[in-house]
N, C-alpha and C. Protein backbone atom coordinates (compact mmCIF):
# COMPACT_ATOMS: atom_id res chain seq x y z
N UNK A 1 137.92 82.30 97.53
CA UNK A 1 137.44 83.38 98.36
C UNK A 1 135.96 83.18 98.63
N UNK A 2 135.60 83.17 99.89
CA UNK A 2 134.20 83.01 100.25
C UNK A 2 133.58 84.38 100.47
N UNK A 3 132.53 84.64 99.77
CA UNK A 3 131.82 85.91 99.93
C UNK A 3 130.40 85.60 100.31
N UNK A 4 129.69 86.58 100.72
CA UNK A 4 128.28 86.41 101.04
C UNK A 4 128.04 86.57 102.53
N UNK A 5 126.93 87.17 102.84
CA UNK A 5 126.56 87.40 104.22
C UNK A 5 125.08 87.71 104.27
N UNK A 6 124.51 87.73 105.47
CA UNK A 6 123.12 88.12 105.61
C UNK A 6 123.02 89.64 105.42
N UNK A 7 121.94 90.05 104.82
CA UNK A 7 121.74 91.48 104.59
C UNK A 7 120.36 91.90 105.09
N UNK A 8 120.24 93.16 105.43
CA UNK A 8 118.95 93.71 105.83
C UNK A 8 118.22 94.19 104.59
N UNK A 9 116.95 94.47 104.76
CA UNK A 9 116.14 95.00 103.66
C UNK A 9 116.73 96.32 103.15
N UNK A 10 117.16 97.18 104.07
CA UNK A 10 117.74 98.47 103.70
C UNK A 10 119.04 98.29 102.93
N UNK A 11 119.86 97.31 103.34
CA UNK A 11 121.11 97.04 102.63
C UNK A 11 120.84 96.55 101.22
N UNK A 12 119.85 95.70 101.06
CA UNK A 12 119.53 95.20 99.72
C UNK A 12 119.09 96.33 98.80
N UNK A 13 118.33 97.29 99.35
CA UNK A 13 117.93 98.45 98.54
C UNK A 13 119.16 99.25 98.15
N UNK A 14 120.03 99.53 99.11
CA UNK A 14 121.25 100.29 98.84
C UNK A 14 122.12 99.61 97.79
N UNK A 15 122.32 98.31 97.95
CA UNK A 15 123.15 97.55 97.01
C UNK A 15 122.53 97.55 95.62
N UNK A 16 121.23 97.38 95.54
CA UNK A 16 120.54 97.35 94.25
C UNK A 16 120.64 98.69 93.53
N UNK A 17 120.39 99.76 94.25
CA UNK A 17 120.46 101.09 93.64
C UNK A 17 121.90 101.40 93.20
N UNK A 18 122.87 101.04 94.03
CA UNK A 18 124.28 101.23 93.66
C UNK A 18 124.59 100.49 92.36
N UNK A 19 124.11 99.26 92.25
CA UNK A 19 124.37 98.45 91.05
C UNK A 19 123.78 99.10 89.81
N UNK A 20 122.54 99.55 89.91
CA UNK A 20 121.88 100.17 88.77
C UNK A 20 122.59 101.47 88.37
N UNK A 21 122.99 102.25 89.37
CA UNK A 21 123.68 103.52 89.09
C UNK A 21 125.06 103.31 88.48
N UNK A 22 125.64 102.14 88.66
CA UNK A 22 126.96 101.83 88.12
C UNK A 22 126.86 100.84 86.96
N UNK A 23 125.89 101.08 86.10
CA UNK A 23 125.71 100.33 84.85
C UNK A 23 125.62 98.81 85.07
N UNK A 24 124.95 98.42 86.14
CA UNK A 24 124.72 97.01 86.46
C UNK A 24 126.02 96.21 86.51
N UNK A 25 127.03 96.78 87.13
CA UNK A 25 128.30 96.08 87.31
C UNK A 25 128.18 95.18 88.53
N UNK A 26 127.61 93.99 88.32
CA UNK A 26 127.30 93.06 89.41
C UNK A 26 128.56 92.60 90.13
N UNK A 27 129.60 92.32 89.39
CA UNK A 27 130.83 91.80 89.97
C UNK A 27 131.47 92.80 90.93
N UNK A 28 131.61 94.05 90.49
CA UNK A 28 132.22 95.08 91.34
C UNK A 28 131.36 95.34 92.57
N UNK A 29 130.05 95.33 92.40
CA UNK A 29 129.15 95.56 93.52
C UNK A 29 129.25 94.41 94.53
N UNK A 30 129.30 93.19 94.04
CA UNK A 30 129.41 92.03 94.93
C UNK A 30 130.69 92.11 95.77
N UNK A 31 131.78 92.51 95.15
CA UNK A 31 133.04 92.64 95.89
C UNK A 31 132.97 93.78 96.90
N UNK A 32 132.42 94.91 96.48
CA UNK A 32 132.34 96.09 97.36
C UNK A 32 131.52 95.80 98.62
N UNK A 33 130.41 95.10 98.47
CA UNK A 33 129.50 94.87 99.60
C UNK A 33 129.65 93.47 100.22
N UNK A 34 130.61 92.69 99.73
CA UNK A 34 130.90 91.36 100.26
C UNK A 34 129.66 90.45 100.23
N UNK A 35 129.05 90.38 99.07
CA UNK A 35 127.91 89.49 98.85
C UNK A 35 128.17 88.72 97.56
N UNK A 36 127.36 87.70 97.30
CA UNK A 36 127.53 86.90 96.09
C UNK A 36 127.02 87.66 94.86
N UNK A 37 127.71 87.43 93.75
CA UNK A 37 127.32 88.00 92.46
C UNK A 37 125.86 87.67 92.16
N UNK A 38 125.49 86.39 92.35
CA UNK A 38 124.14 85.95 92.02
C UNK A 38 123.09 86.65 92.86
N UNK A 39 123.42 86.95 94.13
CA UNK A 39 122.49 87.69 94.98
C UNK A 39 122.22 89.06 94.39
N UNK A 40 123.29 89.75 94.01
CA UNK A 40 123.14 91.10 93.44
C UNK A 40 122.30 91.04 92.18
N UNK A 41 122.61 90.08 91.31
CA UNK A 41 121.86 89.93 90.06
C UNK A 41 120.37 89.72 90.34
N UNK A 42 120.06 88.81 91.27
CA UNK A 42 118.66 88.52 91.60
C UNK A 42 117.96 89.72 92.23
N UNK A 43 118.64 90.45 93.10
CA UNK A 43 118.04 91.63 93.73
C UNK A 43 117.70 92.68 92.69
N UNK A 44 118.60 92.92 91.75
CA UNK A 44 118.35 93.92 90.69
C UNK A 44 117.16 93.47 89.84
N UNK A 45 117.14 92.21 89.50
CA UNK A 45 116.04 91.66 88.69
C UNK A 45 114.70 91.83 89.41
N UNK A 46 114.66 91.49 90.71
CA UNK A 46 113.43 91.63 91.49
C UNK A 46 113.04 93.09 91.66
N UNK A 47 114.03 93.95 91.89
CA UNK A 47 113.77 95.37 92.08
C UNK A 47 113.16 95.99 90.82
N UNK A 48 113.70 95.63 89.67
CA UNK A 48 113.18 96.17 88.41
C UNK A 48 111.78 95.65 88.11
N UNK A 49 111.47 94.44 88.57
CA UNK A 49 110.15 93.85 88.31
C UNK A 49 109.10 94.31 89.32
N UNK A 50 109.47 94.38 90.62
CA UNK A 50 108.48 94.64 91.66
C UNK A 50 108.78 95.85 92.54
N UNK A 51 109.87 96.54 92.27
CA UNK A 51 110.24 97.67 93.12
C UNK A 51 110.82 97.19 94.44
N UNK A 52 110.77 98.05 95.45
CA UNK A 52 111.35 97.73 96.75
C UNK A 52 110.73 96.49 97.38
N UNK A 53 109.45 96.26 97.15
CA UNK A 53 108.78 95.10 97.74
C UNK A 53 109.36 93.78 97.23
N UNK A 54 109.96 93.81 96.06
CA UNK A 54 110.59 92.62 95.53
C UNK A 54 111.82 92.19 96.31
N UNK A 55 112.36 93.10 97.11
CA UNK A 55 113.57 92.80 97.88
C UNK A 55 113.27 92.31 99.29
N UNK A 56 112.00 92.23 99.65
CA UNK A 56 111.66 91.73 100.98
C UNK A 56 111.99 90.25 101.07
N UNK A 57 112.45 89.84 102.24
CA UNK A 57 112.81 88.45 102.47
C UNK A 57 111.60 87.71 103.02
N UNK A 58 110.98 86.88 102.20
CA UNK A 58 109.81 86.11 102.63
C UNK A 58 110.19 84.70 103.01
N UNK A 59 111.47 84.44 103.12
CA UNK A 59 111.93 83.11 103.47
C UNK A 59 111.43 82.74 104.86
N UNK A 60 110.83 81.59 104.97
CA UNK A 60 110.31 81.13 106.24
C UNK A 60 108.91 81.63 106.55
N UNK A 61 108.40 82.54 105.73
CA UNK A 61 107.06 83.05 105.94
C UNK A 61 106.07 81.97 105.55
N UNK A 62 105.09 81.74 106.39
CA UNK A 62 104.15 80.68 106.09
C UNK A 62 103.42 80.97 104.79
N UNK A 63 103.35 79.96 103.95
CA UNK A 63 102.78 80.09 102.62
C UNK A 63 101.34 80.58 102.67
N UNK A 64 100.54 80.05 103.59
CA UNK A 64 99.13 80.40 103.65
C UNK A 64 98.91 81.84 104.06
N UNK A 65 99.84 82.42 104.82
CA UNK A 65 99.66 83.78 105.34
C UNK A 65 100.19 84.85 104.40
N UNK A 66 100.83 84.45 103.31
CA UNK A 66 101.37 85.42 102.37
C UNK A 66 100.25 86.06 101.56
N UNK A 67 100.47 87.30 101.17
CA UNK A 67 99.55 87.99 100.29
C UNK A 67 99.61 87.28 98.93
N UNK A 68 98.49 86.78 98.45
CA UNK A 68 98.50 86.00 97.22
C UNK A 68 98.94 86.82 96.01
N UNK A 69 98.87 88.14 96.07
CA UNK A 69 99.33 88.96 94.95
C UNK A 69 100.86 88.95 94.85
N UNK A 70 101.56 88.52 95.92
CA UNK A 70 103.01 88.48 95.92
C UNK A 70 103.56 87.20 95.30
N UNK A 71 102.70 86.21 95.03
CA UNK A 71 103.17 84.91 94.57
C UNK A 71 103.69 84.96 93.14
N UNK A 72 104.73 84.18 92.89
CA UNK A 72 105.24 84.03 91.53
C UNK A 72 104.34 83.05 90.78
N UNK A 73 104.57 82.91 89.49
CA UNK A 73 103.76 81.97 88.69
C UNK A 73 103.89 80.55 89.21
N UNK A 74 105.10 80.12 89.54
CA UNK A 74 105.28 78.75 90.02
C UNK A 74 104.65 78.56 91.39
N UNK A 75 104.69 79.60 92.24
CA UNK A 75 104.04 79.50 93.54
C UNK A 75 102.53 79.45 93.38
N UNK A 76 101.98 80.20 92.44
CA UNK A 76 100.54 80.14 92.17
C UNK A 76 100.15 78.74 91.73
N UNK A 77 100.97 78.13 90.90
CA UNK A 77 100.70 76.78 90.44
C UNK A 77 100.70 75.81 91.62
N UNK A 78 101.70 75.92 92.49
CA UNK A 78 101.78 75.06 93.68
C UNK A 78 100.61 75.33 94.62
N UNK A 79 100.23 76.58 94.77
CA UNK A 79 99.13 76.97 95.66
C UNK A 79 97.83 76.33 95.22
N UNK A 80 97.64 76.16 93.92
CA UNK A 80 96.40 75.55 93.43
C UNK A 80 96.25 74.11 93.91
N UNK A 81 97.37 73.45 94.25
CA UNK A 81 97.31 72.09 94.78
C UNK A 81 97.20 72.07 96.30
N UNK A 82 97.76 73.07 96.97
CA UNK A 82 97.76 73.12 98.43
C UNK A 82 96.41 73.58 98.96
N UNK A 83 95.80 74.54 98.31
CA UNK A 83 94.56 75.15 98.78
C UNK A 83 93.44 74.13 99.01
N UNK A 84 93.18 73.22 98.07
CA UNK A 84 92.11 72.23 98.31
C UNK A 84 92.43 71.33 99.51
N UNK A 85 93.67 70.99 99.73
CA UNK A 85 94.05 70.15 100.86
C UNK A 85 93.77 70.86 102.17
N UNK A 86 94.00 72.18 102.20
CA UNK A 86 93.75 72.94 103.43
C UNK A 86 92.26 72.93 103.77
N UNK A 87 91.42 73.08 102.76
CA UNK A 87 89.97 73.07 102.98
C UNK A 87 89.51 71.69 103.44
N UNK A 88 90.10 70.65 102.86
CA UNK A 88 89.72 69.28 103.18
C UNK A 88 90.08 68.93 104.64
N UNK A 89 91.23 69.41 105.10
CA UNK A 89 91.70 69.11 106.45
C UNK A 89 91.03 69.97 107.52
N UNK A 90 90.39 71.03 107.14
CA UNK A 90 89.81 71.94 108.12
C UNK A 90 88.53 71.43 108.73
């Protein structure tokens, strides 16, 4: 069975809140909303760590234009190598 689909920011909030209200039953939520189990798990994890802003889709957003406070630890580490190159090329 293939599950999963694109979701809007509002849908991710709804799905995350539903999951939390139903004792973090990721499997049942994934089936109900036709999304992958892992997506639901990651959304709940991000929501609990960063709130609604954690559910924003930054995929494809240019790295340099992102708010640096939004970066994860690994992105901060990568950014430390990219930043000097940007200054050098400018």
